[in-house]
Amino acid sequence: MQKGTNVAVPARAVRVELGWRAAPGAPDVDASALLLVSGKVRGDADFVFYNQPAHASGAVRHEGKRTTGGTVTDTLTVDFGRMEPAVERVVVAASADGGTFGRVAGLYVRVVDQSTGAELARFESADATVETAFILGELYLRQGAWKFRAVGQGYDTGLGGLATDFGISVDEPRQQPATPPAAPQQAPYAPQASPPPRPSAAPASPPPPAPQPVRLTKVTLTKEAPSVSLTKQGGTSGALRVNLNWETRKQFKGWGAKLGRAVATHADLDLDLCALYELTDGRKGVVQALGNAFGSLAQPPYIHLDGDDRTGALSTGENLTVNLDHKDRLRRVLIFVTIYEGARSFADLHATVTLQPQNGAAIDFSLDECTVPSTVCALALITDDGGGGLTVRREARYLVPERGVSPQRTVDAAYGWGMNWTPGRK
C-alpha cells in the first residue's frame, strides 16, 4: 500500500502485526492502539499498549513480541464483533525505545485475518529519520464496514507526544517548581474582636479521585541491574501477567550449513512455564501443566497458569498470572521453565520474559545464551520485600539436572524449597 491509500477489511477479527528487522544498536519498537470517538479518546482506558494490554471491551489487545528469522513482530488483535458502537477509529501506532526510527530497518505494519491467516493489508514505512513515534495506519468504520488506511505520520516527541494529541493524560516527570520568594513582612496590627461563630455547614462530599495518568515507562532487568520493586513501579494490585515467548533455531546440515542459514521450527518443542510458591502460612507447592496443577487466582496459591502452549507458535506464548490483590499472602514465587520434550537443552533457544502488572510498568528481560546441557531455567524470583510489597529479581539461571533427577527437583534443590516430588504427566 502507498501512504494515504485504503483497503477494505472483510474480517470479523484481525491481527495487526508491526514488524522490523532486528539489528545491533537499533532501538526497541512497541505497538499501541488508540480507540477514538469523534477523533479523540474518551479516557485513558482507550489507550492499549504494553502497560495497559487490553481494552475493557475486549475488542483490542496487545499480545506481545516474537522474533522469527531475524524479524521482530509486536502484535495487536482487534475483534470488530466486540467493538463498542461509539468507536469509529482505531489508530495503530509505533514508538521507538532508545533511539529514532531512522535506525529501524524494514519497518512495516500488516493486517491479517484472524481466522484464515490471509494478509488483508500491508504498509511499509521507509522514510523515517528523527521520528520517535509513528502513526502507521488506522482501522476506521465507513458506512457500516471496516477499512484500513496507511498513514505514516511521524512524531519527534515520542509515544507521550502522540498519545497526548489524542487526549491521553500521560504521567511524565515534572520539574520541581522554584522556591517562591518570601512574602514581604507587614506591620503588626491591633487585634480585633472576633465575630460570633457561625453555625457550621454540613461537610461537602469529597470529590471523586482524579483518574491516574497512564505510565509509559518500561523496566528492563539486566545482570548489572537485576531487581526492581513492583510497588515502586505501581504494581500493587490486580493481575501480574508473566509471559514467556521463545524462538528455536536449528542449523541445516550439509550445503545449508555452508550457507550459514538457520530455520525457526516449533513443531517438536514443548516448553512449560512453571512456578514454585511459598505462602506466608508456610504452604508450598508448584503451578505447572504437568499433573494439571494449573493453580487458582481466587484461592491459594493465587497463581494460575493460563494454558499449555506446546509449540511456541502462539503469538501470546505461555502466560502465568499472579493475583497481586493477595500479595500479602505470598512469601516467594520462583518462575521457571522446563523443556518437556523436543530439545535436549536451551542451547538453541532464544526467549524473552515479560512481567506485566495490571497497574504498573512492564518489566522484561532476555535470557542469555545457554552454554550448558540444561533442561530447566530459573527465570525470575518474586519475594516479599518486608514492607507489604514485592520485589522481582532476574535469575536467568540455567540448571543441569543430575541423571535420574527431574527438572522440578533440580530447581527445588537449587533454591531450597524442600518439597517431595512424585512423577507426573500431562
Protein backbone atom coordinates (compact mmCIF):
# COMPACT_ATOMS: atom_id res chain seq x y z
CA MET A 1 0.00 0.00 0.00
CA GLN A 2 1.01 3.60 -0.57
CA LYS A 3 0.68 6.27 2.09
CA GLY A 4 -2.88 7.62 2.14
CA THR A 5 -4.50 4.66 0.38
CA ASN A 6 -7.12 2.43 1.97
CA VAL A 7 -8.44 -1.09 1.61
CA ALA A 8 -11.49 -2.97 2.87
CA VAL A 9 -11.06 -5.30 5.85
CA PRO A 10 -13.66 -8.08 5.36
CA ALA A 11 -13.00 -9.94 8.60
CA ARG A 12 -14.66 -10.23 11.99
CA ALA A 13 -11.32 -10.15 13.82
CA VAL A 14 -7.78 -9.31 12.70
CA ARG A 15 -4.18 -9.37 13.88
CA VAL A 16 -2.29 -6.15 13.35
CA GLU A 17 1.40 -7.01 13.18
CA LEU A 18 4.07 -4.36 13.50
CA GLY A 19 7.38 -5.73 12.21
CA TRP A 20 11.01 -4.72 11.73
CA ARG A 21 14.44 -6.28 11.25
CA ALA A 22 16.49 -6.87 14.38
CA ALA A 23 19.92 -5.23 14.23
CA PRO A 24 22.69 -4.34 16.70
CA GLY A 25 22.24 -0.85 18.10
CA ALA A 26 18.68 -0.49 16.81
CA PRO A 27 16.07 0.74 19.29
CA ASP A 28 13.28 -1.49 20.51
CA VAL A 29 9.87 -0.81 18.95
CA ASP A 30 6.45 -1.09 20.59
CA ALA A 31 2.99 -1.29 19.05
CA SER A 32 0.00 0.52 20.53
CA ALA A 33 -3.59 1.40 19.64
CA LEU A 34 -5.97 4.25 20.42
CA LEU A 35 -9.75 3.79 20.21
CA LEU A 36 -11.29 7.06 19.03
CA VAL A 37 -14.71 8.66 19.20
CA SER A 38 -15.01 11.88 17.15
CA GLY A 39 -11.24 11.98 16.77
CA LYS A 40 -10.35 11.68 20.48
CA VAL A 41 -10.21 9.04 23.18
CA ARG A 42 -12.99 9.06 25.77
CA GLY A 43 -10.44 8.46 28.51
CA ASP A 44 -7.09 6.88 29.21
CA ALA A 45 -8.69 3.41 29.12
CA ASP A 46 -8.99 3.80 25.33
CA PHE A 47 -5.20 3.51 25.02
CA VAL A 48 -3.91 -0.07 24.56
CA PHE A 49 -0.16 -0.59 24.87
CA TYR A 50 2.49 -2.56 26.79
CA ASN A 51 1.49 -1.16 30.20
CA GLN A 52 -2.27 -1.42 29.50
CA PRO A 53 -2.50 -4.51 27.30
CA ALA A 54 -6.27 -4.95 26.95
CA HIS A 55 -9.26 -2.69 26.40
CA ALA A 56 -12.14 -3.21 28.82
CA SER A 57 -14.43 -4.25 25.95
CA GLY A 58 -12.02 -6.98 24.86
CA ALA A 59 -12.06 -5.53 21.35
CA VAL A 60 -8.35 -4.62 21.27
CA ARG A 61 -5.48 -6.43 22.95
CA HIS A 62 -1.71 -6.06 22.93
CA GLU A 63 -0.36 -9.60 22.55
CA GLY A 64 3.40 -9.00 22.70
CA LYS A 65 6.53 -9.65 20.68
CA ARG A 66 8.12 -12.52 18.83
CA THR A 67 11.40 -12.90 16.95
CA THR A 68 11.48 -15.19 13.93
CA GLY A 69 14.30 -15.42 11.43
CA GLY A 70 15.73 -12.01 12.30
CA THR A 71 12.36 -10.22 12.13
CA VAL A 72 10.71 -8.92 15.30
CA THR A 73 6.93 -8.52 15.43
CA ASP A 74 4.74 -6.84 18.03
CA THR A 75 1.09 -7.82 17.65
CA LEU A 76 -2.29 -6.26 18.39
CA THR A 77 -5.55 -8.17 17.99
CA VAL A 78 -8.77 -6.38 17.04
CA ASP A 79 -12.18 -8.05 17.37
CA PHE A 80 -14.73 -5.94 15.49
CA GLY A 81 -17.56 -8.01 16.93
CA ARG A 82 -16.70 -6.72 20.41
CA MET A 83 -16.07 -3.13 19.36
CA GLU A 84 -18.30 -0.62 21.13
CA PRO A 85 -20.72 1.12 18.72
CA ALA A 86 -19.33 4.57 19.55
CA VAL A 87 -15.79 3.68 18.45
CA GLU A 88 -15.23 4.72 14.85
CA ARG A 89 -11.42 4.60 14.51
CA VAL A 90 -8.56 2.53 15.88
CA VAL A 91 -5.22 4.26 15.39
CA VAL A 92 -2.25 1.88 15.05
CA ALA A 93 0.91 3.48 16.41
CA ALA A 94 4.56 2.56 16.92
CA SER A 95 7.14 4.03 19.29
CA ALA A 96 10.92 3.64 19.44
CA ASP A 97 12.54 2.99 22.81
CA GLY A 98 16.18 4.10 22.95
CA GLY A 99 16.60 5.77 19.56
CA THR A 100 14.86 7.03 16.45
CA PHE A 101 13.06 5.24 13.64
CA GLY A 102 15.85 6.26 11.29
CA ARG A 103 17.81 3.38 12.87
CA VAL A 104 14.98 0.85 12.49
CA ALA A 105 15.24 -1.22 9.31
CA GLY A 106 12.33 -2.78 7.45
CA LEU A 107 9.51 -1.21 9.47
CA TYR A 108 6.07 -2.34 8.33
CA VAL A 109 2.52 -2.93 9.52
CA ARG A 110 0.21 -5.58 8.16
CA VAL A 111 -3.37 -6.63 8.85
CA VAL A 112 -4.11 -10.37 8.89
CA ASP A 113 -7.46 -12.15 9.04
CA GLN A 114 -7.54 -13.83 12.45
CA SER A 115 -9.47 -16.87 11.23
CA THR A 116 -7.84 -17.58 7.85
CA GLY A 117 -4.36 -16.06 8.23
CA ALA A 118 -4.79 -14.19 4.95
CA GLU A 119 -2.97 -10.86 4.67
CA LEU A 120 -5.54 -8.11 4.06
CA ALA A 121 -3.27 -5.05 4.07
CA ARG A 122 0.43 -4.20 4.30
CA PHE A 123 2.18 -0.84 4.54
CA GLU A 124 5.96 -0.41 4.62
CA SER A 125 7.47 2.75 6.10
CA ALA A 126 10.82 3.63 4.54
CA ASP A 127 11.33 7.39 5.00
CA ALA A 128 11.84 7.72 8.77
CA THR A 129 14.65 9.92 10.13
CA VAL A 130 14.39 11.59 13.56
CA GLU A 131 10.92 10.34 14.49
CA THR A 132 10.45 8.50 17.79
CA ALA A 133 6.77 7.63 17.25
CA PHE A 134 4.62 6.89 14.22
CA ILE A 135 1.00 6.52 13.27
CA LEU A 136 1.46 3.73 10.76
CA GLY A 137 -2.19 3.21 9.95
CA GLU A 138 -5.75 3.21 11.18
CA LEU A 139 -8.78 0.96 11.09
CA TYR A 140 -11.90 3.04 10.53
CA LEU A 141 -15.62 2.46 10.11
CA ARG A 142 -17.23 3.72 6.92
CA GLN A 143 -20.87 3.01 6.02
CA GLY A 144 -21.01 0.03 8.34
CA ALA A 145 -17.80 -1.61 7.05
CA TRP A 146 -14.26 -1.51 8.45
CA LYS A 147 -11.32 -0.35 6.34
CA PHE A 148 -7.59 0.14 6.83
CA ARG A 149 -5.76 3.31 5.79
CA ALA A 150 -1.96 3.63 5.51
CA VAL A 151 -0.97 6.85 7.32
CA GLY A 152 2.78 7.09 8.01
CA GLN A 153 2.68 10.24 10.17
CA GLY A 154 5.76 10.71 12.36
CA TYR A 155 6.34 12.41 15.73
CA ASP A 156 9.62 13.53 17.26
CA THR A 157 8.00 13.77 20.72
CA GLY A 158 7.75 10.03 21.34
CA LEU A 159 4.77 7.97 22.39
CA GLY A 160 3.88 10.56 25.02
CA GLY A 161 3.51 13.31 22.43
CA LEU A 162 1.48 11.11 20.10
CA ALA A 163 -0.84 9.91 22.85
CA THR A 164 -1.35 13.42 24.23
CA ASP A 165 -2.52 14.62 20.81
CA PHE A 166 -5.46 12.23 21.06
CA GLY A 167 -6.41 13.20 24.62
CA ILE A 168 -4.39 10.75 26.73
CA SER A 169 -3.15 12.02 30.10
CA VAL A 170 0.48 10.90 30.34
CA ASP A 171 2.41 10.57 33.59
CA GLU A 172 5.71 12.28 32.79
CA PRO A 173 8.42 13.59 35.12
CA ARG A 174 7.73 17.12 36.24
CA GLN A 175 10.28 19.73 37.22
CA GLN A 176 10.13 20.91 40.79
CA PRO A 177 8.77 24.46 40.97
CA ALA A 178 11.19 27.15 42.02
CA THR A 179 11.06 28.19 45.66
CA PRO A 180 8.63 31.12 45.86
CA PRO A 181 10.04 34.39 47.19
CA ALA A 182 9.37 35.15 50.81
CA ALA A 183 6.27 37.22 51.40
CA PRO A 184 7.00 40.83 52.43
CA GLN A 185 6.65 41.46 56.14
CA GLN A 186 3.66 43.51 57.18
CA ALA A 187 3.39 45.91 60.07
CA PRO A 188 1.79 44.45 63.18
CA TYR A 189 -1.87 45.15 63.53
CA ALA A 190 -4.12 45.57 66.52
CA PRO A 191 -6.24 42.54 67.33
CA GLN A 192 -9.93 42.91 66.66
CA ALA A 193 -12.82 41.28 68.36
CA SER A 194 -13.73 38.00 66.74
CA PRO A 195 -17.21 37.81 65.25
CA PRO A 196 -19.60 35.31 66.80
CA PRO A 197 -19.14 31.80 65.39
CA ARG A 198 -21.44 30.81 62.56
CA PRO A 199 -23.24 27.52 62.50
CA SER A 200 -21.02 25.04 60.74
CA ALA A 201 -22.31 23.88 57.39
CA ALA A 202 -22.62 20.21 56.64
CA PRO A 203 -19.32 18.92 55.25
CA ALA A 204 -19.33 18.65 51.50
CA SER A 205 -18.88 15.23 49.94
CA PRO A 206 -15.28 14.70 48.89
CA PRO A 207 -14.76 14.91 45.14
CA PRO A 208 -14.15 11.64 43.34
CA PRO A 209 -10.46 10.82 42.96
CA ALA A 210 -8.90 12.10 39.77
CA PRO A 211 -8.05 9.35 37.27
CA GLN A 212 -4.39 8.39 37.28
CA PRO A 213 -2.48 9.21 34.08
CA VAL A 214 -1.06 6.35 32.07
CA ARG A 215 2.58 5.40 32.61
CA LEU A 216 4.76 4.94 29.54
CA THR A 217 7.85 3.73 31.38
CA LYS A 218 9.27 0.23 30.92
CA VAL A 219 11.82 -1.60 33.04
CA THR A 220 14.44 -3.92 31.54
CA LEU A 221 16.31 -6.10 34.01
CA THR A 222 19.97 -6.84 33.30
CA LYS A 223 22.92 -8.50 35.02
CA GLU A 224 24.01 -5.08 36.25
CA ALA A 225 20.52 -4.09 37.46
CA PRO A 226 18.70 -7.38 38.15
CA SER A 227 15.99 -6.28 40.63
CA VAL A 228 13.04 -3.91 40.77
CA SER A 229 10.30 -3.16 43.29
CA LEU A 230 6.81 -3.88 41.98
CA THR A 231 5.44 -1.34 44.45
CA LYS A 232 7.63 1.48 43.14
CA GLN A 233 6.55 0.62 39.60
CA GLY A 234 2.87 0.85 40.56
CA GLY A 235 2.23 -2.90 40.62
CA THR A 236 0.36 -3.03 43.92
CA SER A 237 -2.92 -4.68 42.93
CA GLY A 238 -4.71 -6.52 40.15
CA ALA A 239 -3.16 -9.18 37.95
CA LEU A 240 0.54 -9.63 37.23
CA ARG A 241 0.88 -11.47 33.92
CA VAL A 242 4.11 -13.37 33.32
CA ASN A 243 4.69 -14.12 29.64
CA LEU A 244 7.30 -16.36 28.04
CA ASN A 245 7.89 -16.13 24.30
CA TRP A 246 10.55 -18.16 22.59
CA GLU A 247 12.12 -18.92 19.25
CA THR A 248 14.14 -22.01 18.40
CA ARG A 249 16.78 -22.16 15.69
CA LYS A 250 18.29 -25.29 14.21
CA GLN A 251 21.18 -25.29 11.79
CA PHE A 252 20.89 -27.00 8.43
CA LYS A 253 23.35 -29.78 7.71
CA GLY A 254 25.46 -30.19 4.59
CA TRP A 255 25.13 -27.45 1.99
CA GLY A 256 22.72 -25.48 4.17
CA ALA A 257 25.32 -25.19 6.92
CA LYS A 258 27.86 -23.85 4.43
CA LEU A 259 25.48 -21.03 3.61
CA GLY A 260 25.12 -20.28 7.31
CA ARG A 261 21.34 -20.49 7.21
CA ALA A 262 19.10 -21.03 10.20
CA VAL A 263 15.48 -22.04 10.30
CA ALA A 264 12.94 -21.45 13.05
CA THR A 265 10.91 -24.51 13.96
CA HIS A 266 8.28 -25.09 16.64
CA ALA A 267 6.75 -28.40 15.65
CA ASP A 268 8.59 -30.69 18.05
CA LEU A 269 9.33 -28.40 21.01
CA ASP A 270 7.30 -28.20 24.21
CA LEU A 271 8.39 -25.74 26.90
CA ASP A 272 6.50 -25.48 30.19
CA LEU A 273 6.22 -22.28 32.21
CA CYS A 274 6.01 -23.15 35.93
CA ALA A 275 6.07 -21.53 39.36
CA LEU A 276 7.20 -22.73 42.76
CA TYR A 277 5.41 -20.85 45.53
CA GLU A 278 5.67 -20.45 49.28
CA LEU A 279 2.85 -18.72 51.16
CA THR A 280 3.22 -16.78 54.39
CA ASP A 281 1.43 -19.57 56.28
CA GLY A 282 4.19 -21.99 55.23
CA ARG A 283 2.33 -23.86 52.50
CA LYS A 284 4.40 -24.71 49.43
CA GLY A 285 3.59 -26.08 46.01
CA VAL A 286 4.01 -25.83 42.26
CA VAL A 287 1.89 -24.45 39.42
CA GLN A 288 2.53 -26.28 36.14
CA ALA A 289 0.86 -28.10 33.26
CA LEU A 290 2.37 -31.40 34.42
CA GLY A 291 -0.24 -33.11 36.56
CA ASN A 292 -2.79 -30.42 35.58
CA ALA A 293 -1.64 -28.29 38.52
CA PHE A 294 -2.87 -25.05 36.92
CA GLY A 295 -3.48 -23.25 40.24
CA SER A 296 -6.11 -20.63 41.06
CA LEU A 297 -6.37 -16.84 41.30
CA ALA A 298 -9.34 -16.68 43.68
CA GLN A 299 -7.88 -19.00 46.31
CA PRO A 300 -4.42 -20.21 47.35
CA PRO A 301 -1.92 -20.15 45.74
CA TYR A 302 -3.34 -17.04 43.94
CA ILE A 303 -1.32 -18.08 40.87
CA HIS A 304 -2.78 -19.53 37.68
CA LEU A 305 -1.24 -20.98 34.51
CA ASP A 306 -3.39 -19.81 31.60
CA GLY A 307 -2.65 -22.78 29.37
CA ASP A 308 -0.03 -25.04 27.84
CA ASP A 309 1.43 -23.75 24.56
CA ARG A 310 3.05 -26.92 23.27
CA THR A 311 4.59 -25.34 20.18
CA GLY A 312 5.58 -21.76 20.96
CA ALA A 313 3.79 -20.78 17.75
CA LEU A 314 1.06 -18.84 19.54
CA SER A 315 1.64 -15.09 19.49
CA THR A 316 0.89 -15.00 23.21
CA GLY A 317 3.35 -17.77 24.16
CA GLU A 318 2.75 -19.15 27.66
CA ASN A 319 1.21 -16.97 30.36
CA LEU A 320 1.11 -17.31 34.12
CA THR A 321 -0.89 -14.87 36.25
CA VAL A 322 -0.30 -13.78 39.86
CA ASN A 323 -3.13 -12.12 41.82
CA LEU A 324 -1.47 -9.10 43.46
CA ASP A 325 -4.61 -8.41 45.50
CA HIS A 326 -3.29 -11.22 47.73
CA LYS A 327 0.37 -10.24 47.64
CA ASP A 328 0.44 -10.18 51.45
CA ARG A 329 -0.10 -13.97 51.35
CA LEU A 330 2.93 -14.61 49.13
CA ARG A 331 6.36 -15.12 50.69
CA ARG A 332 8.19 -16.03 47.49
CA VAL A 333 7.42 -17.23 43.96
CA LEU A 334 10.03 -18.68 41.60
CA ILE A 335 9.11 -18.56 37.92
CA PHE A 336 10.94 -21.20 35.88
CA VAL A 337 10.71 -23.01 32.56
CA THR A 338 11.41 -26.63 31.69
CA ILE A 339 11.88 -28.49 28.42
CA TYR A 340 9.20 -31.17 28.40
CA GLU A 341 10.16 -32.59 25.01
CA GLY A 342 11.65 -31.65 21.65
CA ALA A 343 15.12 -30.44 22.70
CA ARG A 344 18.00 -31.62 24.86
CA SER A 345 18.92 -28.19 26.18
CA PHE A 346 18.25 -24.46 25.87
CA ALA A 347 21.35 -24.06 23.68
CA ASP A 348 19.44 -23.10 20.50
CA LEU A 349 16.51 -21.36 22.18
CA HIS A 350 16.04 -17.60 22.43
CA ALA A 351 13.45 -16.41 24.93
CA THR A 352 12.03 -13.16 26.28
CA VAL A 353 10.30 -12.88 29.65
CA THR A 354 7.79 -10.10 30.34
CA LEU A 355 6.11 -9.37 33.67
CA GLN A 356 3.15 -7.05 33.11
CA PRO A 357 1.43 -5.63 36.21
CA GLN A 358 -2.14 -4.52 35.62
CA ASN A 359 -1.41 -1.12 37.17
CA GLY A 360 2.29 -0.57 36.64
CA ALA A 361 5.23 -0.52 34.29
CA ALA A 362 6.12 -3.58 32.23
CA ILE A 363 9.23 -5.49 33.32
CA ASP A 364 11.12 -7.55 30.77
CA PHE A 365 14.42 -9.29 30.15
CA SER A 366 16.00 -11.70 27.71
CA LEU A 367 17.71 -14.97 28.54
CA ASP A 368 21.43 -15.22 27.94
CA GLU A 369 22.82 -17.82 25.57
CA CYS A 370 22.88 -21.25 27.17
CA THR A 371 26.29 -22.97 27.15
CA VAL A 372 25.48 -26.00 29.35
CA PRO A 373 23.22 -29.06 28.77
CA SER A 374 20.33 -27.51 30.71
CA THR A 375 16.68 -28.55 30.56
CA VAL A 376 15.43 -26.17 33.28
CA CYS A 377 15.96 -22.44 33.68
CA ALA A 378 15.05 -20.28 36.67
CA LEU A 379 13.61 -17.07 35.19
CA ALA A 380 12.59 -14.70 37.99
CA LEU A 381 12.23 -14.73 41.77
CA ILE A 382 9.41 -12.69 43.33
CA THR A 383 9.85 -12.11 47.06
CA ASP A 384 8.17 -10.26 49.91
CA ASP A 385 10.18 -7.07 50.46
CA GLY A 386 9.23 -6.88 54.14
CA GLY A 387 7.20 -3.71 53.69
CA GLY A 388 3.99 -5.08 52.23
CA GLY A 389 5.25 -5.12 48.64
CA LEU A 390 7.02 -7.48 46.27
CA THR A 391 10.40 -7.38 44.56
CA VAL A 392 11.19 -9.02 41.21
CA ARG A 393 14.72 -10.30 40.61
CA ARG A 394 16.02 -11.53 37.28
CA GLU A 395 17.55 -15.00 37.65
CA ALA A 396 18.13 -16.28 34.07
CA ARG A 397 19.91 -19.25 35.63
CA TYR A 398 20.37 -22.44 33.62
CA LEU A 399 20.47 -25.60 35.76
CA VAL A 400 21.72 -29.06 34.78
CA PRO A 401 19.76 -31.95 36.35
CA GLU A 402 21.72 -34.95 37.56
CA ARG A 403 20.97 -38.28 35.94
CA GLY A 404 17.54 -39.51 37.02
CA VAL A 405 16.60 -36.19 38.67
CA SER A 406 13.65 -34.23 37.26
CA PRO A 407 13.94 -30.55 36.30
CA GLN A 408 11.44 -29.68 39.06
CA ARG A 409 13.50 -31.39 41.75
CA THR A 410 16.62 -29.71 40.36
CA VAL A 411 15.22 -26.19 40.67
CA ASP A 412 13.74 -27.07 44.09
CA ALA A 413 17.18 -28.11 45.36
CA ALA A 414 18.87 -25.03 43.89
CA TYR A 415 16.52 -22.65 45.73
CA GLY A 416 15.91 -24.67 48.90
CA TRP A 417 12.17 -25.25 48.56
CA GLY A 418 12.31 -28.65 50.29
CA MET A 419 9.33 -30.32 48.61
CA ASN A 420 8.63 -34.01 47.96
CA TRP A 421 8.19 -34.90 44.29
CA THR A 422 6.37 -37.73 42.51
CA PRO A 423 6.30 -38.44 38.75
CA GLY A 424 3.52 -36.76 36.76
CA ARG A 425 2.30 -36.45 33.19
CA LYS A 426 0.20 -34.17 31.03
